[in-house]
């Protein structure tokens, strides 16, 4: 794309940017940045973002939200040409329609061009997404996919400064990804394809098929490994408790008082000590049973660990610059495009290009990685069980994958509650729009969706009778409400986390009781709420009553 190909208006906008910045020689070379050892190391995916660490109890506090200095990416006078260059007819079409859209004065024609941009933009992304795995991908192309920025002159000066200080690399170790990072993880096989309703036939000859197959096997084995380790830890704890009880009884059995006048002779066993014989035998039988179970879990753990080591070795043998499985990338592209539509809804703004015309977020409520993590921490602090999944009476904290999409949508949602190959310890997937009217509400909607789907899967055939979904369904039935049950729950969860969490009573009495029990606040919040109103004090007392019984 040459200077002559540019629309005069766009060329003028670029000229304004050049005038503000000065000669491009004063700017750092993007190629030099990308090729530096530090950048290569930073671009490597953090293993902790994929591995589920069941020992983690919460998110770390986010202390750094933005870089101190600008990265100067959006100051490059050739940004527009670099972003669209080399992308064929799709880039030319985006260029032509965007030019017409920016210069059009007729509102009706402008609406037509706006709709055409949506289609042409996603065709451009279809061409670009396989290149996301390229470590040397130019920064303008990366920013186009990540933030939807194709033309820096569509920023206000304040917005340009904001986006120039965004932390680009994932230094948090949490599974939160931008769109370009998401495609990169999919392309390299480190992240499996998102679930779809369509059956997919494996393609053995695809370049990335082997990596995908190994990743799927690893996902299955990771669930077995983590489950076996959890059960192993549980049985070891149970054995320790039994051994302590046994030791105390044997110590009591071996205590003998001297016989008065016949020292140093000691008393025979007392009636209480004789009863210890039966208790000791009972403890020994319990220990024998625990040991048998422990041996089984130990065997399962050793087998899963050996399989895991073998699969990791095979993954490490895969070429670092792996060829992209085009078929899989195209499947994920279609999925991500559908996700983007869902964040906006049918009546929402589907416009995909970043422009000051539609961006109305404040810096801390823009869907950058650090802002999203900060809000997720706030959610989990108040709702400590939002990411907890129970398996065999053991609670596992499993943070889902989070995909941040550059859309003007307002709806966050859960795409899948867990991996279909590992229902025990795999991460689910939630999607967050980056430029919503209220980022906190969008994230709460996604967490509510995740909570509902996990609870429904746990209850299985009895989801209308048991647990959170059962109690909520029965309340909806009593209210004689019609419509989508999950949508009602999501709206009520948002109300619970934005009003009731501060003691502002907006819920029906019975509904509040359902949420108090099945979507509980942290204990500190409960202690505070019980002092605010008799309504919460009554619910608090119900907790105490249930705790005293075996039915809680």
Protein backbone atom coordinates (compact mmCIF):
# COMPACT_ATOMS: atom_id res chain seq x y z
CA UNK A 1 0.00 0.00 0.00
CA UNK A 2 1.65 3.22 -1.14
CA UNK A 3 1.03 6.81 -0.09
CA UNK A 4 -0.94 7.33 -3.30
CA UNK A 5 -3.38 4.61 -2.25
CA UNK A 6 -4.35 6.47 0.90
CA UNK A 7 -7.53 8.48 1.07
CA UNK A 8 -6.67 12.21 1.39
CA UNK A 9 -8.52 12.50 4.67
CA UNK A 10 -6.71 9.52 6.16
CA UNK A 11 -3.43 10.86 4.82
CA UNK A 12 -4.20 14.17 6.53
CA UNK A 13 -4.93 12.40 9.79
CA UNK A 14 -1.63 10.57 9.52
CA UNK A 15 0.09 13.84 8.79
CA UNK A 16 -1.31 15.27 12.00
CA UNK A 17 0.16 12.36 13.89
CA UNK A 18 3.53 12.86 12.19
CA UNK A 19 3.51 16.52 13.07
CA UNK A 20 2.86 15.76 16.72
CA UNK A 21 5.55 13.11 16.91
CA UNK A 22 8.28 14.38 14.66
CA UNK A 23 10.66 12.28 12.57
CA UNK A 24 10.29 8.54 12.98
CA UNK A 25 14.05 8.25 13.43
CA UNK A 26 13.55 9.41 17.01
CA UNK A 27 11.36 6.40 17.74
CA UNK A 28 12.59 2.93 18.74
CA UNK A 29 12.62 0.31 16.02
CA UNK A 30 9.89 -2.27 16.53
CA UNK A 31 12.01 -4.93 14.92
CA UNK A 32 14.82 -4.25 17.35
CA UNK A 33 12.39 -4.50 20.26
CA UNK A 34 10.91 -7.76 19.04
CA UNK A 35 14.29 -9.33 18.41
CA UNK A 36 15.75 -8.41 21.78
CA UNK A 37 16.33 -11.32 24.21
CA UNK A 38 14.22 -9.65 26.88
CA UNK A 39 11.26 -9.34 24.52
CA UNK A 40 11.57 -12.94 23.38
CA UNK A 41 11.59 -14.11 26.97
CA UNK A 42 8.60 -11.92 27.82
CA UNK A 43 6.65 -13.26 24.85
CA UNK A 44 7.10 -16.84 26.02
CA UNK A 45 3.88 -18.11 27.60
CA UNK A 46 3.98 -18.47 31.36
CA UNK A 47 3.40 -22.08 32.36
CA UNK A 48 1.45 -20.93 35.39
CA UNK A 49 -1.21 -19.44 33.12
CA UNK A 50 -2.08 -22.92 31.82
CA UNK A 51 -1.37 -25.15 34.81
CA UNK A 52 -4.04 -25.17 37.50
CA UNK A 53 -2.41 -24.70 40.90
CA UNK A 54 -4.89 -26.01 43.47
CA UNK A 55 -2.79 -24.59 46.30
CA UNK A 56 -3.55 -20.99 45.23
CA UNK A 57 -6.26 -19.38 47.35
CA UNK A 58 -6.78 -16.10 45.49
CA UNK A 59 -5.51 -13.50 43.06
CA UNK A 60 -2.47 -11.43 43.86
CA UNK A 61 -3.01 -7.73 44.41
CA UNK A 62 -2.46 -5.76 41.21
CA UNK A 63 -0.07 -2.92 42.05
CA UNK A 64 1.01 -1.87 38.54
CA UNK A 65 -1.70 -1.07 36.01
CA UNK A 66 0.27 0.85 33.37
CA UNK A 67 3.85 1.36 32.24
CA UNK A 68 5.58 4.54 33.35
CA UNK A 69 6.75 5.42 29.84
CA UNK A 70 5.05 5.29 26.45
CA UNK A 71 5.92 2.42 24.10
CA UNK A 72 5.65 4.83 21.10
CA UNK A 73 3.91 2.17 18.99
CA UNK A 74 1.07 4.51 18.06
CA UNK A 75 3.49 7.35 17.27
CA UNK A 76 4.86 5.54 14.23
CA UNK A 77 4.01 7.55 11.11
CA UNK A 78 3.80 4.28 9.11
CA UNK A 79 1.47 2.58 11.62
CA UNK A 80 -1.55 2.47 9.28
CA UNK A 81 0.39 1.10 6.32
CA UNK A 82 2.20 -1.43 8.50
CA UNK A 83 -1.02 -2.64 10.10
CA UNK A 84 -2.76 -3.27 6.78
CA UNK A 85 0.27 -4.02 4.64
CA UNK A 86 0.71 -7.51 3.23
CA UNK A 87 -2.83 -8.62 4.03
CA UNK A 88 -4.11 -8.74 0.46
CA UNK A 89 -7.56 -7.84 -0.81
CA UNK A 90 -9.07 -7.96 2.67
CA UNK A 91 -6.87 -5.07 3.82
CA UNK A 92 -7.63 -3.10 0.66
CA UNK A 93 -11.34 -3.52 1.25
CA UNK A 94 -11.06 -2.34 4.87
CA UNK A 95 -9.01 0.63 3.67
CA UNK A 96 -11.55 1.67 1.03
CA UNK A 97 -14.64 1.29 3.21
CA UNK A 98 -13.00 3.00 6.19
CA UNK A 99 -11.99 5.89 3.94
CA UNK A 100 -15.57 6.30 2.73
CA UNK A 101 -16.92 6.01 6.27
CA UNK A 102 -14.63 8.73 7.62
CA UNK A 103 -15.38 11.18 4.78
CA UNK A 104 -19.09 10.48 4.30
CA UNK A 105 -21.50 13.26 5.34
CA UNK A 106 -24.81 11.52 4.57
CA UNK A 107 -26.04 9.69 7.74
CA UNK A 108 -27.74 6.96 5.70
CA UNK A 109 -24.63 6.22 3.61
CA UNK A 110 -22.54 6.37 6.77
CA UNK A 111 -24.74 3.67 8.33
CA UNK A 112 -24.26 1.46 5.26
CA UNK A 113 -20.47 1.86 5.35
CA UNK A 114 -20.48 1.19 9.08
CA UNK A 115 -22.20 -2.15 8.51
CA UNK A 116 -19.85 -3.01 5.65
CA UNK A 117 -16.82 -2.36 7.87
CA UNK A 118 -17.98 -5.09 10.26
CA UNK A 119 -17.91 -7.79 7.59
CA UNK A 120 -14.71 -6.60 5.92
CA UNK A 121 -12.95 -6.26 9.28
CA UNK A 122 -13.61 -9.85 10.30
CA UNK A 123 -12.45 -11.01 6.88
CA UNK A 124 -9.21 -9.16 7.60
CA UNK A 125 -8.92 -10.84 11.01
CA UNK A 126 -9.46 -14.22 9.31
CA UNK A 127 -6.37 -13.57 7.19
CA UNK A 128 -4.32 -12.19 10.08
CA UNK A 129 -5.12 -14.60 12.92
CA UNK A 130 -2.79 -17.44 11.74
CA UNK A 131 0.08 -14.94 11.91
CA UNK A 132 -0.49 -14.38 15.64
CA UNK A 133 1.94 -17.22 16.40
CA UNK A 134 4.75 -15.36 14.62
CA UNK A 135 7.11 -14.03 17.28
CA UNK A 136 8.26 -11.26 14.94
CA UNK A 137 4.76 -10.04 14.10
CA UNK A 138 4.84 -6.27 13.64
CA UNK A 139 3.48 -4.32 16.59
CA UNK A 140 0.84 -2.41 14.55
CA UNK A 141 -0.66 -5.72 13.38
CA UNK A 142 -0.58 -7.01 16.93
CA UNK A 143 -2.31 -3.86 18.23
CA UNK A 144 -4.90 -4.08 15.45
CA UNK A 145 -5.95 -7.53 16.64
CA UNK A 146 -5.55 -6.78 20.33
CA UNK A 147 -7.26 -3.39 20.66
CA UNK A 148 -8.95 -2.87 17.26
CA UNK A 149 -6.66 0.10 16.59
CA UNK A 150 -6.12 0.52 12.86
CA UNK A 151 -5.68 4.29 12.74
CA UNK A 152 -4.00 6.05 15.71
CA UNK A 153 -5.46 9.41 14.63
CA UNK A 154 -8.86 8.13 15.75
CA UNK A 155 -7.54 8.45 19.32
CA UNK A 156 -7.89 11.59 21.37
CA UNK A 157 -4.50 12.66 22.79
CA UNK A 158 -5.52 11.30 26.20
CA UNK A 159 -6.63 7.97 24.74
CA UNK A 160 -3.43 7.68 22.75
CA UNK A 161 -1.35 8.23 25.86
CA UNK A 162 -3.44 5.67 27.76
CA UNK A 163 -3.08 2.92 25.17
CA UNK A 164 0.63 3.70 24.75
CA UNK A 165 1.24 2.81 28.41
CA UNK A 166 -0.73 -0.44 28.54
CA UNK A 167 1.32 -3.38 29.87
CA UNK A 168 1.65 -5.58 26.79
CA UNK A 169 3.10 -8.77 28.28
CA UNK A 170 1.34 -11.10 30.70
CA UNK A 171 3.45 -10.73 33.84
CA UNK A 172 0.69 -11.85 36.18
CA UNK A 173 0.78 -15.61 35.57
CA UNK A 174 -3.04 -15.58 35.33
CA UNK A 175 -4.94 -17.03 32.32
CA UNK A 176 -6.16 -13.69 30.94
CA UNK A 177 -5.55 -13.19 27.21
CA UNK A 178 -6.09 -10.61 24.50
CA UNK A 179 -7.35 -11.79 21.11
CA UNK A 180 -3.93 -11.97 19.43
CA UNK A 181 -2.52 -13.90 22.42
CA UNK A 182 -5.50 -16.26 22.31
CA UNK A 183 -4.91 -17.11 18.64
CA UNK A 184 -1.21 -17.57 19.39
CA UNK A 185 -1.93 -20.10 22.15
CA UNK A 186 -4.39 -21.95 19.91
CA UNK A 187 -1.97 -21.98 16.97
CA UNK A 188 0.91 -23.41 19.01
CA UNK A 189 -1.26 -26.09 20.63
CA UNK A 190 -0.87 -24.80 24.17
CA UNK A 191 -4.59 -24.05 24.32
CA UNK A 192 -7.23 -26.42 23.00
CA UNK A 193 -10.01 -25.28 20.68
CA UNK A 194 -13.08 -23.76 22.25
CA UNK A 195 -16.08 -26.07 22.33
CA UNK A 196 -18.59 -25.83 19.48
CA UNK A 197 -21.88 -27.54 18.72
CA UNK A 198 -20.55 -28.88 15.42
CA UNK A 199 -18.81 -32.24 15.29
CA UNK A 200 -15.18 -31.93 14.23
CA UNK A 201 -13.33 -34.64 12.34
CA UNK A 202 -9.64 -34.98 13.31
CA UNK A 203 -7.23 -34.16 10.51
CA UNK A 204 -4.16 -36.31 10.99
CA UNK A 205 -2.14 -34.62 8.27
CA UNK A 206 -2.59 -31.08 9.60
CA UNK A 207 0.71 -29.57 10.80
CA UNK A 208 -0.66 -28.83 14.27
CA UNK A 209 -2.76 -31.99 14.67
CA UNK A 210 -0.12 -33.82 16.71
CA UNK A 211 0.30 -30.91 19.11
CA UNK A 212 -3.48 -30.69 19.56
CA UNK A 213 -3.70 -34.43 20.21
CA UNK A 214 -0.92 -34.29 22.81
CA UNK A 215 -2.54 -31.28 24.45
CA UNK A 216 -5.88 -33.09 24.70
CA UNK A 217 -4.21 -36.13 26.26
CA UNK A 218 -2.40 -33.84 28.67
CA UNK A 219 -5.67 -32.12 29.63
CA UNK A 220 -7.23 -35.49 30.44
CA UNK A 221 -4.19 -36.62 32.39
CA UNK A 222 -3.90 -33.34 34.31
CA UNK A 223 -7.36 -33.93 35.71
CA UNK A 224 -6.46 -37.46 36.80
CA UNK A 225 -3.15 -36.28 38.27
CA UNK A 226 -4.62 -33.42 40.28
CA UNK A 227 -7.56 -35.49 41.45
CA UNK A 228 -5.29 -38.35 42.53
CA UNK A 229 -3.02 -35.94 44.39
CA UNK A 230 -5.96 -34.32 46.18
CA UNK A 231 -7.32 -37.70 47.26
CA UNK A 232 -3.82 -38.78 48.28
CA UNK A 233 -3.39 -35.69 50.46
CA UNK A 234 -6.80 -36.26 51.99
CA UNK A 235 -6.05 -39.88 52.88
CA UNK A 236 -2.63 -38.98 54.29
CA UNK A 237 -4.30 -36.41 56.53
CA UNK A 238 -6.90 -38.99 57.61
CA UNK A 239 -4.14 -41.50 58.38
CA UNK A 240 -2.25 -38.93 60.45
CA UNK A 241 -5.37 -38.20 62.49
CA UNK A 242 -6.02 -41.90 63.12
CA UNK A 243 -2.40 -42.48 64.11
CA UNK A 244 -2.55 -39.58 66.57
CA UNK A 245 -5.75 -40.96 68.10
CA UNK A 246 -4.22 -44.43 68.28
CA UNK A 247 -1.06 -43.08 69.90
CA UNK A 248 -3.11 -41.22 72.54
CA UNK A 249 -5.07 -44.37 73.42
CA UNK A 250 -1.95 -46.52 73.64
CA UNK A 251 -0.33 -43.88 75.86
CA UNK A 252 -3.41 -43.99 78.09
CA UNK A 253 -3.33 -47.79 78.09
CA UNK A 254 0.31 -47.83 79.23
CA UNK A 255 -0.25 -45.56 82.21
CA UNK A 256 -0.40 -47.46 85.53
CA UNK A 257 -0.65 -46.06 89.02
CA UNK A 258 1.47 -47.66 91.80
CA UNK A 259 -0.24 -49.98 94.33
CA UNK A 260 -0.15 -48.24 97.68
CA UNK A 261 1.99 -50.23 100.17
CA UNK A 262 3.22 -52.63 97.48
CA UNK A 263 5.58 -50.30 95.62
CA UNK A 264 7.12 -50.58 93.04
CA UNK A 265 4.26 -52.78 91.83
CA UNK A 266 1.57 -51.08 89.68
CA UNK A 267 -2.18 -51.42 89.30
CA UNK A 268 -3.66 -53.78 86.66
CA UNK A 269 -5.74 -52.33 83.83
CA UNK A 270 -8.71 -50.25 84.96
CA UNK A 271 -12.19 -50.70 83.49
CA UNK A 272 -11.59 -47.59 81.36
CA UNK A 273 -8.31 -48.98 80.07
CA UNK A 274 -9.94 -52.33 79.25
CA UNK A 275 -12.46 -50.48 77.08
CA UNK A 276 -9.52 -49.07 75.16
CA UNK A 277 -8.74 -52.54 73.75
CA UNK A 278 -11.86 -52.42 71.57
CA UNK A 279 -11.22 -48.81 70.57
CA UNK A 280 -7.62 -49.62 69.63
CA UNK A 281 -8.77 -52.56 67.51
CA UNK A 282 -11.32 -50.30 65.81
CA UNK A 283 -8.63 -47.71 65.05
CA UNK A 284 -6.35 -50.42 63.68
CA UNK A 285 -9.07 -51.68 61.35
CA UNK A 286 -9.73 -48.10 60.22
CA UNK A 287 -6.01 -47.63 59.59
CA UNK A 288 -5.89 -50.84 57.58
CA UNK A 289 -8.79 -49.60 55.41
CA UNK A 290 -7.21 -46.17 54.94
CA UNK A 291 -3.88 -47.77 54.04
CA UNK A 292 -5.54 -49.89 51.37
CA UNK A 293 -7.20 -46.82 49.86
CA UNK A 294 -3.97 -44.86 50.19
CA UNK A 295 -2.08 -47.54 48.25
CA UNK A 296 -4.63 -47.33 45.43
CA UNK A 297 -4.43 -43.54 45.25
CA UNK A 298 -0.63 -43.69 45.38
CA UNK A 299 -0.63 -46.08 42.42
CA UNK A 300 -3.00 -43.84 40.45
CA UNK A 301 -0.86 -40.81 41.27
CA UNK A 302 2.36 -42.50 40.18
CA UNK A 303 0.80 -43.67 36.90
CA UNK A 304 -0.64 -40.23 36.13
CA UNK A 305 2.66 -38.55 36.98
CA UNK A 306 4.58 -40.91 34.70
CA UNK A 307 2.12 -40.29 31.85
CA UNK A 308 2.34 -36.54 32.49
CA UNK A 309 6.13 -36.59 32.30
CA UNK A 310 5.99 -38.54 29.05
CA UNK A 311 3.50 -36.09 27.51
CA UNK A 312 5.57 -33.09 28.62
CA UNK A 313 8.62 -34.62 26.98
CA UNK A 314 6.67 -35.09 23.76
CA UNK A 315 5.44 -31.49 23.89
CA UNK A 316 8.97 -30.23 24.45
CA UNK A 317 10.08 -32.19 21.37
CA UNK A 318 7.63 -30.27 19.20
CA UNK A 319 9.40 -27.62 17.08
CA UNK A 320 9.39 -24.21 18.76
CA UNK A 321 8.41 -22.42 15.57
CA UNK A 322 5.54 -24.80 14.94
CA UNK A 323 3.55 -24.54 11.75
CA UNK A 324 0.03 -23.36 12.27
CA UNK A 325 -2.86 -25.78 11.82
CA UNK A 326 -4.89 -23.63 9.43
CA UNK A 327 -8.03 -25.70 9.83
CA UNK A 328 -8.03 -25.41 13.63
CA UNK A 329 -7.27 -21.70 13.50
CA UNK A 330 -10.21 -21.14 11.15
CA UNK A 331 -12.51 -23.06 13.51
CA UNK A 332 -11.36 -20.93 16.45
CA UNK A 333 -11.66 -17.78 14.34
CA UNK A 334 -15.33 -18.53 13.67
CA UNK A 335 -15.83 -19.20 17.38
CA UNK A 336 -14.17 -15.94 18.43
CA UNK A 337 -16.20 -14.01 15.88
CA UNK A 338 -19.35 -15.48 17.37
CA UNK A 339 -18.10 -14.55 20.85
CA UNK A 340 -17.60 -10.95 19.70
CA UNK A 341 -21.18 -10.79 18.44
CA UNK A 342 -22.48 -12.14 21.73
CA UNK A 343 -20.68 -9.47 23.77
CA UNK A 344 -22.64 -6.85 21.82
CA UNK A 345 -26.00 -8.58 21.52
CA UNK A 346 -28.39 -8.30 18.61
CA UNK A 347 -29.09 -4.61 19.12
CA UNK A 348 -25.56 -3.65 20.19
CA UNK A 349 -22.81 -1.75 18.45
CA UNK A 350 -20.91 -4.28 16.31
CA UNK A 351 -18.46 -1.68 14.96
CA UNK A 352 -15.01 -3.31 15.28
CA UNK A 353 -12.62 -0.39 14.77
CA UNK A 354 -11.42 1.60 17.76
CA UNK A 355 -12.59 5.19 17.51
CA UNK A 356 -13.13 8.00 19.98
CA UNK A 357 -16.68 8.21 18.64
CA UNK A 358 -17.69 5.05 20.53
CA UNK A 359 -15.08 4.72 23.28
CA UNK A 360 -16.45 6.21 26.50
CA UNK A 361 -14.64 4.21 29.19
CA UNK A 362 -12.54 5.66 31.98
CA UNK A 363 -9.00 4.22 32.21
CA UNK A 364 -9.62 1.90 35.16
CA UNK A 365 -12.83 0.53 33.61
CA UNK A 366 -11.31 -0.31 30.23
CA UNK A 367 -10.90 -4.05 29.73
CA UNK A 368 -7.12 -4.20 29.95
CA UNK A 369 -5.67 -7.32 31.57
CA UNK A 370 -4.70 -5.68 34.86
CA UNK A 371 -8.09 -3.95 35.23
CA UNK A 372 -9.91 -7.23 34.58
CA UNK A 373 -7.80 -9.06 37.16
CA UNK A 374 -8.37 -6.33 39.73
CA UNK A 375 -12.14 -6.65 39.36
CA UNK A 376 -11.96 -10.47 39.38
CA UNK A 377 -10.08 -10.20 42.69
CA UNK A 378 -12.83 -7.97 44.07
CA UNK A 379 -15.47 -10.48 42.95
CA UNK A 380 -13.67 -13.42 44.54
CA UNK A 381 -12.99 -11.50 47.75
CA UNK A 382 -16.73 -10.99 48.19
CA UNK A 383 -17.87 -14.29 46.66
CA UNK A 384 -15.05 -16.67 47.68
CA UNK A 385 -16.70 -19.71 46.08
CA UNK A 386 -17.21 -18.18 42.63
CA UNK A 387 -14.36 -20.23 41.12
CA UNK A 388 -14.70 -23.28 43.39
CA UNK A 389 -15.56 -26.66 41.88
CA UNK A 390 -16.41 -29.55 44.22
CA UNK A 391 -15.30 -33.10 43.37
CA UNK A 392 -15.65 -36.00 45.80
CA UNK A 393 -16.36 -33.55 48.63
CA UNK A 394 -13.13 -31.67 47.90
CA UNK A 395 -13.22 -27.98 46.96
CA UNK A 396 -10.86 -26.97 44.14
CA UNK A 397 -10.30 -23.32 43.18
CA UNK A 398 -10.06 -23.22 39.37
CA UNK A 399 -9.80 -19.83 37.67
CA UNK A 400 -11.22 -19.87 34.12
CA UNK A 401 -9.49 -18.70 30.97
CA UNK A 402 -10.49 -15.10 30.28
CA UNK A 403 -10.61 -13.77 26.71
CA UNK A 404 -10.70 -9.96 26.39
CA UNK A 405 -12.21 -8.95 23.04
CA UNK A 406 -11.95 -5.40 21.59
CA UNK A 407 -15.68 -4.76 21.26
CA UNK A 408 -18.09 -2.07 22.42
CA UNK A 409 -20.35 -4.74 23.92
CA UNK A 410 -21.76 -4.77 27.45
CA UNK A 411 -22.20 -8.50 27.97
CA UNK A 412 -19.68 -10.83 29.57
CA UNK A 413 -20.51 -14.54 29.44
CA UNK A 414 -19.21 -18.06 29.98
CA UNK A 415 -18.46 -19.94 26.77
CA UNK A 416 -17.80 -23.29 28.48
CA UNK A 417 -17.66 -24.15 32.20
CA UNK A 418 -14.79 -26.65 31.82
CA UNK A 419 -12.85 -28.59 29.21
CA UNK A 420 -14.85 -31.46 27.79
CA UNK A 421 -11.86 -33.79 28.23
CA UNK A 422 -11.33 -32.93 31.90
CA UNK A 423 -14.36 -31.98 33.97
CA UNK A 424 -12.54 -32.21 37.30
CA UNK A 425 -9.74 -29.64 37.23
CA UNK A 426 -9.78 -27.99 33.79
CA UNK A 427 -10.34 -24.28 33.34
CA UNK A 428 -13.59 -22.93 31.97
CA UNK A 429 -13.71 -20.03 29.50
CA UNK A 430 -15.30 -16.63 29.99
CA UNK A 431 -15.37 -13.72 27.53
CA UNK A 432 -15.14 -10.04 28.47
CA UNK A 433 -15.75 -7.01 26.17
CA UNK A 434 -12.94 -4.46 26.49
CA UNK A 435 -14.97 -1.26 25.94
CA UNK A 436 -18.28 -1.73 27.77
CA UNK A 437 -20.33 0.91 29.55
CA UNK A 438 -19.51 -0.78 32.88
CA UNK A 439 -16.64 -3.29 33.02
CA UNK A 440 -17.55 -4.49 36.51
CA UNK A 441 -21.09 -5.40 35.42
CA UNK A 442 -19.77 -7.22 32.33
CA UNK A 443 -17.39 -9.28 34.48
CA UNK A 444 -20.10 -10.04 37.04
CA UNK A 445 -22.32 -11.33 34.23
CA UNK A 446 -19.55 -13.66 33.04
CA UNK A 447 -18.87 -14.98 36.56
CA UNK A 448 -22.61 -15.48 37.15
CA UNK A 449 -22.89 -17.42 33.88
CA UNK A 450 -19.92 -19.59 34.90
CA UNK A 451 -21.38 -20.18 38.36
CA UNK A 452 -24.75 -21.22 36.94
CA UNK A 453 -23.31 -23.65 34.38
CA UNK A 454 -20.96 -25.30 36.90
CA UNK A 455 -23.78 -25.68 39.44
CA UNK A 456 -26.09 -27.12 36.79
CA UNK A 457 -23.48 -29.64 35.62
CA UNK A 458 -22.82 -30.67 39.21
CA UNK A 459 -26.52 -31.29 39.89
CA UNK A 460 -26.88 -33.16 36.55
CA UNK A 461 -30.35 -34.70 36.14
CA UNK A 462 -31.47 -33.18 39.43
CA UNK A 463 -30.62 -29.58 38.56
CA UNK A 464 -34.25 -28.49 39.07
CA UNK A 465 -34.31 -30.02 42.56
CA UNK A 466 -30.89 -29.76 44.19
CA UNK A 467 -28.33 -27.11 45.05
CA UNK A 468 -28.22 -23.57 43.72
CA UNK A 469 -30.02 -24.27 40.43
CA UNK A 470 -32.72 -26.32 42.12
CA UNK A 471 -33.50 -23.74 44.80
CA UNK A 472 -33.46 -20.90 42.27
CA UNK A 473 -35.68 -22.81 39.82
CA UNK A 474 -38.23 -23.48 42.55
CA UNK A 475 -38.27 -19.80 43.53
CA UNK A 476 -38.84 -18.79 39.88
CA UNK A 477 -41.71 -21.30 39.68
CA UNK A 478 -43.34 -19.85 42.80
CA UNK A 479 -43.08 -16.37 41.26
CA UNK A 480 -44.62 -17.72 38.04
CA UNK A 481 -41.99 -15.98 35.95
CA UNK A 482 -41.50 -16.91 32.30
CA UNK A 483 -38.37 -16.61 30.20
CA UNK A 484 -34.75 -17.71 30.24
CA UNK A 485 -33.88 -19.01 33.70
CA UNK A 486 -30.15 -18.32 33.41
CA UNK A 487 -30.77 -14.70 32.37
CA UNK A 488 -32.87 -14.19 35.50
CA UNK A 489 -30.08 -15.65 37.63
CA UNK A 490 -27.40 -13.48 36.04
CA UNK A 491 -29.45 -10.33 36.69
CA UNK A 492 -30.04 -11.38 40.31
CA UNK A 493 -26.35 -12.21 40.81
CA UNK A 494 -25.41 -8.71 39.61
CA UNK A 495 -27.93 -7.29 42.08
CA UNK A 496 -26.51 -9.51 44.84
CA UNK A 497 -22.93 -8.38 44.21
CA UNK A 498 -23.66 -4.68 43.69
CA UNK A 499 -26.46 -3.92 46.19
CA UNK A 500 -26.93 -6.66 48.76
CA UNK A 501 -23.17 -6.89 49.29
CA UNK A 502 -23.38 -3.38 50.79
CA UNK A 503 -26.52 -4.08 52.81
CA UNK A 504 -28.88 -2.39 50.32
CA UNK A 505 -31.93 -4.67 50.37
CA UNK A 506 -33.30 -5.05 46.85
CA UNK A 507 -34.09 -8.78 46.73
CA UNK A 508 -37.14 -10.80 47.63
CA UNK A 509 -36.80 -12.32 51.11
CA UNK A 510 -36.83 -15.95 49.91
CA UNK A 511 -34.47 -15.21 47.02
CA UNK A 512 -32.05 -13.50 49.40
CA UNK A 513 -32.05 -16.65 51.53
CA UNK A 514 -31.17 -18.78 48.48
CA UNK A 515 -28.24 -16.56 47.59
CA UNK A 516 -27.10 -16.25 51.22
CA UNK A 517 -26.76 -20.02 51.43
CA UNK A 518 -25.59 -21.01 47.94
CA UNK A 519 -23.74 -17.84 46.85
CA UNK A 520 -22.33 -16.85 50.25
CA UNK A 521 -20.32 -13.73 50.96
CA UNK A 522 -17.05 -14.07 52.84
CA UNK A 523 -17.30 -14.46 56.60
CA UNK A 524 -16.12 -10.93 57.32
CA UNK A 525 -18.85 -9.51 55.09
CA UNK A 526 -21.46 -11.73 56.78
CA UNK A 527 -20.34 -10.55 60.21
CA UNK A 528 -20.69 -6.95 59.06
CA UNK A 529 -24.11 -7.42 57.44
CA UNK A 530 -25.64 -9.15 60.47
CA UNK A 531 -25.00 -5.98 62.47
CA UNK A 532 -26.71 -3.77 59.89
CA UNK A 533 -30.17 -5.28 59.72
CA UNK A 534 -32.35 -7.94 61.39
CA UNK A 535 -32.87 -9.37 57.88
CA UNK A 536 -29.21 -10.43 57.64
CA UNK A 537 -29.05 -11.32 61.34
CA UNK A 538 -31.79 -13.90 60.76
CA UNK A 539 -29.93 -15.41 57.82
CA UNK A 540 -26.74 -15.47 59.90
CA UNK A 541 -28.56 -17.38 62.64
CA UNK A 542 -29.77 -19.91 60.06
CA UNK A 543 -26.12 -20.52 59.19
CA UNK A 544 -25.35 -21.26 62.83
CA UNK A 545 -28.33 -23.60 63.12
CA UNK A 546 -27.31 -25.53 60.01
CA UNK A 547 -23.71 -25.74 61.22
CA UNK A 548 -24.92 -27.38 64.43
CA UNK A 549 -26.78 -30.02 62.46
CA UNK A 550 -25.48 -32.57 59.99
CA UNK A 551 -27.53 -31.24 57.11
CA UNK A 552 -25.53 -28.12 56.28
